[in-house]
C-alpha atoms as a PDB file:
ATOM      1  CA  MET A   1     193.361 102.570 117.446  1.00  0.00           C
ATOM      2  CA  ILE A   2     196.513 102.992 119.493  1.00  0.00           C
ATOM      3  CA  LYS A   3     198.624  99.919 120.263  1.00  0.00           C
ATOM      4  CA  GLY A   4     201.927 101.543 121.243  1.00  0.00           C
ATOM      5  CA  ILE A   5     203.313 104.882 122.419  1.00  0.00           C
ATOM      6  CA  ILE A   6     206.529 106.780 121.723  1.00  0.00           C
ATOM      7  CA  PHE A   7     207.563 109.507 124.151  1.00  0.00           C
ATOM      8  CA  ASP A   8     210.079 112.262 123.710  1.00  0.00           C
ATOM      9  CA  TYR A   9     212.007 112.882 126.926  1.00  0.00           C
ATOM     10  CA  GLY A  10     213.659 116.281 127.440  1.00  0.00           C
ATOM     11  CA  GLY A  11     211.025 118.989 127.613  1.00  0.00           C
ATOM     12  CA  THR A  12     208.209 116.443 127.585  1.00  0.00           C
ATOM     13  CA  LEU A  13     208.517 114.252 130.670  1.00  0.00           C
ATOM     14  CA  ASP A  14     210.957 116.347 132.698  1.00  0.00           C
ATOM     15  CA  SER A  15     209.666 119.922 132.321  1.00  0.00           C
ATOM     16  CA  ARG A  16     205.916 119.877 131.591  1.00  0.00           C
ATOM     17  CA  GLY A  17     206.385 120.786 127.952  1.00  0.00           C
ATOM     18  CA  VAL A  18     208.589 123.796 128.734  1.00  0.00           C
ATOM     19  CA  HIS A  19     211.757 124.259 126.679  1.00  0.00           C
ATOM     20  CA  TRP A  20     214.745 123.425 128.870  1.00  0.00           C
ATOM     21  CA  SER A  21     216.360 126.795 128.268  1.00  0.00           C
ATOM     22  CA  GLU A  22     213.505 128.292 130.296  1.00  0.00           C
ATOM     23  CA  VAL A  23     214.107 125.926 133.214  1.00  0.00           C
ATOM     24  CA  LEU A  24     217.819 126.686 133.170  1.00  0.00           C
ATOM     25  CA  TRP A  25     217.122 130.419 132.997  1.00  0.00           C
ATOM     26  CA  GLN A  26     215.014 130.076 136.152  1.00  0.00           C
ATOM     27  CA  GLY A  27     217.976 128.312 137.750  1.00  0.00           C
ATOM     28  CA  TYR A  28     220.303 131.142 136.746  1.00  0.00           C
ATOM     29  CA  GLN A  29     217.917 133.635 138.288  1.00  0.00           C
ATOM     30  CA  GLN A  30     217.661 131.607 141.501  1.00  0.00           C
ATOM     31  CA  ALA A  31     221.458 131.559 141.689  1.00  0.00           C
ATOM     32  CA  GLN A  32     221.523 135.324 141.050  1.00  0.00           C
ATOM     33  CA  VAL A  33     223.907 135.123 138.107  1.00  0.00           C
ATOM     34  CA  PRO A  34     224.252 138.782 136.978  1.00  0.00           C
ATOM     35  CA  ILE A  35     223.306 138.416 133.295  1.00  0.00           C
ATOM     36  CA  ASP A  36     220.304 139.254 131.137  1.00  0.00           C
ATOM     37  CA  LYS A  37     218.269 136.658 129.278  1.00  0.00           C
ATOM     38  CA  GLU A  38     219.782 137.411 125.879  1.00  0.00           C
ATOM     39  CA  THR A  39     223.282 136.790 127.257  1.00  0.00           C
ATOM     40  CA  PHE A  40     222.087 133.564 128.849  1.00  0.00           C
ATOM     41  CA  ARG A  41     220.490 132.334 125.622  1.00  0.00           C
ATOM     42  CA  THR A  42     223.736 132.927 123.743  1.00  0.00           C
ATOM     43  CA  ALA A  43     225.660 130.939 126.359  1.00  0.00           C
ATOM     44  CA  TYR A  44     223.011 128.199 126.226  1.00  0.00           C
ATOM     45  CA  VAL A  45     223.372 127.801 122.450  1.00  0.00           C
ATOM     46  CA  GLU A  46     227.165 127.770 122.632  1.00  0.00           C
ATOM     47  CA  GLY A  47     227.019 125.191 125.393  1.00  0.00           C
ATOM     48  CA  GLU A  48     224.809 122.921 123.301  1.00  0.00           C
ATOM     49  CA  ARG A  49     227.231 123.237 120.399  1.00  0.00           C
ATOM     50  CA  ALA A  50     230.167 122.343 122.644  1.00  0.00           C
ATOM     51  CA  LEU A  51     228.376 119.230 123.907  1.00  0.00           C
ATOM     52  CA  ALA A  52     227.655 118.219 120.307  1.00  0.00           C
ATOM     53  CA  ARG A  53     231.313 118.639 119.276  1.00  0.00           C
ATOM     54  CA  GLU A  54     232.898 116.682 122.118  1.00  0.00           C
ATOM     55  CA  ARG A  55     232.019 113.626 124.171  1.00  0.00           C
ATOM     56  CA  ILE A  56     231.729 115.461 127.464  1.00  0.00           C
ATOM     57  CA  ILE A  57     228.631 113.715 128.786  1.00  0.00           C
ATOM     58  CA  LEU A  58     229.389 110.068 129.579  1.00  0.00           C
ATOM     59  CA  PRO A  59     226.916 107.135 129.551  1.00  0.00           C
ATOM     60  CA  GLN A  60     227.171 106.749 133.345  1.00  0.00           C
ATOM     61  CA  ASP A  61     226.311 110.402 134.071  1.00  0.00           C
ATOM     62  CA  ASN A  62     223.001 110.966 135.813  1.00  0.00           C
ATOM     63  CA  PHE A  63     221.059 114.167 135.177  1.00  0.00           C
ATOM     64  CA  HIS A  64     222.633 116.103 138.054  1.00  0.00           C
ATOM     65  CA  THR A  65     226.111 115.296 136.743  1.00  0.00           C
ATOM     66  CA  LEU A  66     225.019 116.268 133.228  1.00  0.00           C
ATOM     67  CA  LEU A  67     223.713 119.581 134.518  1.00  0.00           C
ATOM     68  CA  ARG A  68     226.927 120.389 136.348  1.00  0.00           C
ATOM     69  CA  LYS A  69     228.959 119.791 133.195  1.00  0.00           C
ATOM     70  CA  LYS A  70     226.502 121.684 131.006  1.00  0.00           C
ATOM     71  CA  VAL A  71     226.259 124.750 133.241  1.00  0.00           C
ATOM     72  CA  ALA A  72     230.047 124.889 133.729  1.00  0.00           C
ATOM     73  CA  ILE A  73     230.443 125.060 129.948  1.00  0.00           C
ATOM     74  CA  GLU A  74     227.746 127.707 129.560  1.00  0.00           C
ATOM     75  CA  LEU A  75     229.414 129.937 132.143  1.00  0.00           C
ATOM     76  CA  GLU A  76     232.599 129.906 130.086  1.00  0.00           C
ATOM     77  CA  TYR A  77     230.712 131.762 127.354  1.00  0.00           C
ATOM     78  CA  LEU A  78     229.666 134.686 129.547  1.00  0.00           C
ATOM     79  CA  PRO A  79     231.274 137.945 128.373  1.00  0.00           C
ATOM     80  CA  GLU A  80     232.593 138.698 131.865  1.00  0.00           C
ATOM     81  CA  LYS A  81     234.975 136.171 133.405  1.00  0.00           C
ATOM     82  CA  TYR A  82     234.328 135.289 137.027  1.00  0.00           C
ATOM     83  CA  ASP A  83     236.625 133.568 139.510  1.00  0.00           C
ATOM     84  CA  GLU A  84     236.419 129.795 139.835  1.00  0.00           C
ATOM     85  CA  ALA A  85     234.875 129.835 143.316  1.00  0.00           C
ATOM     86  CA  THR A  86     232.006 132.011 142.106  1.00  0.00           C
ATOM     87  CA  ARG A  87     231.441 129.903 139.018  1.00  0.00           C
ATOM     88  CA  MET A  88     231.432 126.650 140.987  1.00  0.00           C
ATOM     89  CA  LEU A  89     228.928 128.107 143.457  1.00  0.00           C
ATOM     90  CA  TRP A  90     226.644 128.968 140.555  1.00  0.00           C
ATOM     91  CA  VAL A  91     227.134 125.525 139.023  1.00  0.00           C
ATOM     92  CA  ASP A  92     226.104 123.870 142.292  1.00  0.00           C
ATOM     93  CA  LYS A  93     223.019 126.041 142.760  1.00  0.00           C
ATOM     94  CA  ILE A  94     221.783 125.859 139.174  1.00  0.00           C
ATOM     95  CA  ALA A  95     222.344 122.104 138.856  1.00  0.00           C
ATOM     96  CA  ALA A  96     220.551 121.438 142.154  1.00  0.00           C
ATOM     97  CA  TYR A  97     217.611 123.654 141.173  1.00  0.00           C
ATOM     98  CA  CYS A  98     217.181 122.074 137.736  1.00  0.00           C
ATOM     99  CA  ASP A  99     217.631 118.494 138.936  1.00  0.00           C
ATOM    100  CA  LEU A 100     214.942 119.021 141.566  1.00  0.00           C
ATOM    101  CA  ALA A 101     212.640 120.577 138.961  1.00  0.00           C
ATOM    102  CA  ALA A 102     213.103 117.574 136.672  1.00  0.00           C
ATOM    103  CA  ARG A 103     212.509 115.094 139.503  1.00  0.00           C
ATOM    104  CA  GLN A 104     209.280 116.839 140.444  1.00  0.00           C
ATOM    105  CA  CYS A 105     208.055 116.646 136.852  1.00  0.00           C
ATOM    106  CA  ILE A 106     208.948 112.959 136.605  1.00  0.00           C
ATOM    107  CA  GLU A 107     207.110 112.195 139.832  1.00  0.00           C
ATOM    108  CA  GLU A 108     204.099 114.115 138.528  1.00  0.00           C
ATOM    109  CA  ALA A 109     204.151 112.100 135.298  1.00  0.00           C
ATOM    110  CA  ARG A 110     204.851 108.725 136.926  1.00  0.00           C
ATOM    111  CA  PRO A 111     201.239 107.645 137.676  1.00  0.00           C
ATOM    112  CA  THR A 112     200.192 108.290 134.070  1.00  0.00           C
ATOM    113  CA  LEU A 113     203.272 106.557 132.686  1.00  0.00           C
ATOM    114  CA  GLU A 114     202.604 103.526 134.868  1.00  0.00           C
ATOM    115  CA  GLN A 115     198.981 103.317 133.711  1.00  0.00           C
ATOM    116  CA  LEU A 116     200.017 103.600 130.076  1.00  0.00           C
ATOM    117  CA  HIS A 117     202.799 101.035 130.562  1.00  0.00           C
ATOM    118  CA  ALA A 118     200.223  98.546 131.833  1.00  0.00           C
ATOM    119  CA  ARG A 119     198.250  98.916 128.590  1.00  0.00           C
ATOM    120  CA  TYR A 120     200.789  99.634 125.859  1.00  0.00           C
ATOM    121  CA  PRO A 121     204.404  98.936 124.930  1.00  0.00           C
ATOM    122  CA  MET A 122     206.288 102.239 125.116  1.00  0.00           C
ATOM    123  CA  MET A 123     209.474 103.516 123.502  1.00  0.00           C
ATOM    124  CA  LEU A 124     211.454 106.636 124.265  1.00  0.00           C
ATOM    125  CA  VAL A 125     212.868 108.595 121.301  1.00  0.00           C
ATOM    126  CA  SER A 126     215.043 111.569 122.180  1.00  0.00           C
ATOM    127  CA  ASN A 127     217.715 114.002 121.096  1.00  0.00           C
ATOM    128  CA  PHE A 128     220.009 113.441 124.061  1.00  0.00           C
ATOM    129  CA  TYR A 129     223.650 113.229 125.065  1.00  0.00           C
ATOM    130  CA  GLY A 130     224.289 109.477 125.271  1.00  0.00           C
ATOM    131  CA  ASN A 131     223.308 108.958 128.910  1.00  0.00           C
ATOM    132  CA  ILE A 132     219.528 108.877 128.878  1.00  0.00           C
ATOM    133  CA  ASP A 133     219.420 105.249 130.036  1.00  0.00           C
ATOM    134  CA  GLU A 134     221.209 106.244 133.250  1.00  0.00           C
ATOM    135  CA  VAL A 135     218.986 109.318 133.656  1.00  0.00           C
ATOM    136  CA  LEU A 136     215.851 107.174 133.462  1.00  0.00           C
ATOM    137  CA  ARG A 137     217.295 104.610 135.873  1.00  0.00           C
ATOM    138  CA  SER A 138     218.246 107.260 138.416  1.00  0.00           C
ATOM    139  CA  TYR A 139     214.695 108.618 138.290  1.00  0.00           C
ATOM    140  CA  GLY A 140     213.226 105.094 138.542  1.00  0.00           C
ATOM    141  CA  ILE A 141     211.290 104.981 135.258  1.00  0.00           C
ATOM    142  CA  ARG A 142     213.569 103.017 132.928  1.00  0.00           C
ATOM    143  CA  GLU A 143     211.519  99.822 133.326  1.00  0.00           C
ATOM    144  CA  LEU A 144     208.460 101.554 131.899  1.00  0.00           C
ATOM    145  CA  PHE A 145     210.002 101.685 128.421  1.00  0.00           C
ATOM    146  CA  LYS A 146     210.580  98.786 126.071  1.00  0.00           C
ATOM    147  CA  GLY A 147     213.612 100.553 124.647  1.00  0.00           C
ATOM    148  CA  ILE A 148     215.369 103.835 123.886  1.00  0.00           C
ATOM    149  CA  ILE A 149     216.300 105.461 120.593  1.00  0.00           C
ATOM    150  CA  GLU A 150     218.812 108.208 121.420  1.00  0.00           C
ATOM    151  CA  SER A 151     220.320 110.616 118.916  1.00  0.00           C
ATOM    152  CA  ALA A 152     223.845 110.510 120.339  1.00  0.00           C
ATOM    153  CA  VAL A 153     223.841 106.709 120.102  1.00  0.00           C
ATOM    154  CA  VAL A 154     222.323 106.192 116.640  1.00  0.00           C
ATOM    155  CA  GLY A 155     223.864 109.271 115.006  1.00  0.00           C
ATOM    156  CA  ILE A 156     220.555 110.766 113.832  1.00  0.00           C
ATOM    157  CA  ARG A 157     218.820 113.802 115.285  1.00  0.00           C
ATOM    158  CA  LYS A 158     215.278 115.057 115.164  1.00  0.00           C
ATOM    159  CA  PRO A 159     213.567 116.449 113.164  1.00  0.00           C
ATOM    160  CA  ASN A 160     214.833 113.636 110.925  1.00  0.00           C
ATOM    161  CA  PRO A 161     211.820 111.271 110.917  1.00  0.00           C
ATOM    162  CA  THR A 162     214.192 108.288 110.740  1.00  0.00           C
ATOM    163  CA  LEU A 163     214.641 108.573 114.507  1.00  0.00           C
ATOM    164  CA  PHE A 164     210.926 107.986 115.010  1.00  0.00           C
ATOM    165  CA  LYS A 165     210.925 105.271 112.358  1.00  0.00           C
ATOM    166  CA  LEU A 166     213.426 103.362 114.504  1.00  0.00           C
ATOM    167  CA  GLY A 167     211.037 103.689 117.438  1.00  0.00           C
ATOM    168  CA  VAL A 168     208.071 102.505 115.394  1.00  0.00           C
ATOM    169  CA  ASP A 169     210.067  99.541 114.100  1.00  0.00           C
ATOM    170  CA  ALA A 170     211.077  98.605 117.655  1.00  0.00           C
ATOM    171  CA  LEU A 171     207.411  98.514 118.653  1.00  0.00           C
ATOM    172  CA  GLU A 172     206.731  96.220 115.665  1.00  0.00           C
ATOM    173  CA  LEU A 173     203.539  98.098 114.884  1.00  0.00           C
ATOM    174  CA  PRO A 174     202.185  99.993 111.888  1.00  0.00           C
ATOM    175  CA  ALA A 175     202.877 103.719 112.244  1.00  0.00           C
ATOM    176  CA  GLU A 176     199.160 104.539 112.307  1.00  0.00           C
ATOM    177  CA  GLU A 177     198.786 102.471 115.502  1.00  0.00           C
ATOM    178  CA  VAL A 178     201.550 104.393 117.312  1.00  0.00           C
ATOM    179  CA  LEU A 179     200.969 107.561 119.334  1.00  0.00           C
ATOM    180  CA  VAL A 180     203.883 110.008 119.553  1.00  0.00           C
ATOM    181  CA  VAL A 181     203.965 112.497 122.429  1.00  0.00           C
ATOM    182  CA  GLY A 182     206.456 115.372 122.339  1.00  0.00           C
ATOM    183  CA  ASP A 183     206.958 118.993 123.296  1.00  0.00           C
ATOM    184  CA  SER A 184     208.344 120.269 119.979  1.00  0.00           C
ATOM    185  CA  LEU A 185     206.026 120.842 117.032  1.00  0.00           C
ATOM    186  CA  ARG A 186     208.947 120.964 114.597  1.00  0.00           C
ATOM    187  CA  LYS A 187     211.113 118.190 116.023  1.00  0.00           C
ATOM    188  CA  ASP A 188     208.484 115.744 117.328  1.00  0.00           C
ATOM    189  CA  ILE A 189     205.019 116.296 115.922  1.00  0.00           C
ATOM    190  CA  VAL A 190     205.750 117.140 112.284  1.00  0.00           C
ATOM    191  CA  PRO A 191     208.187 114.245 111.619  1.00  0.00           C
ATOM    192  CA  ALA A 192     205.928 111.774 113.455  1.00  0.00           C
ATOM    193  CA  GLU A 193     202.990 112.846 111.325  1.00  0.00           C
ATOM    194  CA  GLN A 194     205.131 112.397 108.219  1.00  0.00           C
ATOM    195  CA  LEU A 195     205.462 108.736 109.181  1.00  0.00           C
ATOM    196  CA  GLY A 196     201.707 108.392 109.665  1.00  0.00           C
ATOM    197  CA  CYS A 197     201.770 108.233 113.476  1.00  0.00           C
ATOM    198  CA  GLN A 198     199.098 109.713 115.678  1.00  0.00           C
ATOM    199  CA  VAL A 199     200.394 112.653 117.715  1.00  0.00           C
ATOM    200  CA  LEU A 200     199.876 114.704 120.845  1.00  0.00           C
ATOM    201  CA  TRP A 201     201.752 117.980 121.208  1.00  0.00           C
ATOM    202  CA  PHE A 202     202.621 118.658 124.849  1.00  0.00           C
ATOM    203  CA  LYS A 203     202.689 122.417 124.554  1.00  0.00           C
ATOM    204  CA  GLY A 204     204.476 124.588 127.090  1.00  0.00           C
ATOM    205  CA  LYS A 205     206.752 127.631 126.819  1.00  0.00           C
ATOM    206  CA  GLY A 206     208.844 127.251 123.656  1.00  0.00           C
ATOM    207  CA  TRP A 207     212.210 128.594 122.507  1.00  0.00           C
ATOM    208  CA  THR A 208     210.642 131.426 120.457  1.00  0.00           C
ATOM    209  CA  ASP A 209     207.503 133.563 120.504  1.00  0.00           C
ATOM    210  CA  GLU A 210     206.702 132.199 117.050  1.00  0.00           C
ATOM    211  CA  GLU A 211     206.587 128.672 118.464  1.00  0.00           C
ATOM    212  CA  ASP A 212     204.300 129.837 121.253  1.00  0.00           C
ATOM    213  CA  ARG A 213     201.853 131.242 118.703  1.00  0.00           C
ATOM    214  CA  GLN A 214     201.636 128.002 116.722  1.00  0.00           C
ATOM    215  CA  THR A 215     198.674 125.672 117.175  1.00  0.00           C
ATOM    216  CA  HIS A 216     197.813 122.055 116.488  1.00  0.00           C
ATOM    217  CA  PRO A 217     194.466 120.223 116.796  1.00  0.00           C
ATOM    218  CA  HIS A 218     195.968 117.552 119.057  1.00  0.00           C
ATOM    219  CA  THR A 219     197.459 119.518 121.948  1.00  0.00           C
ATOM    220  CA  ILE A 220     197.765 118.708 125.646  1.00  0.00           C
ATOM    221  CA  THR A 221     199.081 120.716 128.600  1.00  0.00           C
ATOM    222  CA  ALA A 222     199.770 117.878 131.063  1.00  0.00           C
ATOM    223  CA  VAL A 223     200.916 114.264 130.816  1.00  0.00           C
ATOM    224  CA  ALA A 224     197.719 113.148 132.523  1.00  0.00           C
ATOM    225  CA  ASP A 225     195.751 114.563 129.563  1.00  0.00           C
ATOM    226  CA  ILE A 226     196.962 111.594 127.499  1.00  0.00           C
ATOM    227  CA  LEU A 227     194.648 109.225 129.346  1.00  0.00           C
ATOM    228  CA  GLU A 228     191.613 111.422 128.726  1.00  0.00           C
ATOM    229  CA  TRP A 229     192.537 111.855 125.065  1.00  0.00           C
ATOM    230  CA  ILE A 230     192.849 108.098 124.558  1.00  0.00           C
ATOM    231  CA  SER A 231     189.563 107.439 126.338  1.00  0.00           C
ATOM    232  CA  GLN A 232     187.768 109.635 123.807  1.00  0.00           C
ATOM    233  CA  LEU A 233     189.038 107.771 120.752  1.00  0.00           C
END
């Protein structure tokens, strides 16, 4: 029996289970940045490391602001240096593309989230940059969640199961009565199962081909599938 739900955010609610590097890569292609995917992936990783080292993303930043900062940093790691006007044009185009993509995914998920909110207390547990509360508010879904456990705030990152334990404790439910929904098998599903939670893997395009080949008995391909899965319990 399920009495509460924990959602991951990035890659789960805002990109249909697709790893965010893939969404950003689409944005780079739309902006016609002259790089190959391998070069982009290197810049993506270095950008994530830079954001982890320094407090660049602020609590009041919405997702569009986050994207502008993130993309600007990634462009600094390209092997060829471009003039500022060109880089800022790319930043504008990529951030606009990715923000719109995220908004569309949120709007697609909203009806399901609202139905689940009416039946269950929900928590959000995420590896994020310290501004997820503002991101949820700007997209109009913050009120659907009882609370947020965010890695940058609590100082713990997935796949450490402690992050999910904090979410379970906030729901004040036994782990076996909590459903965890996430897009990463390694970072969401495995640690949640270690706690004894029920799980649904929202599987889209992953970071590696190995991830794409992995399987799990409880897999969905759309947020709306959660309602059908619950109805069959």
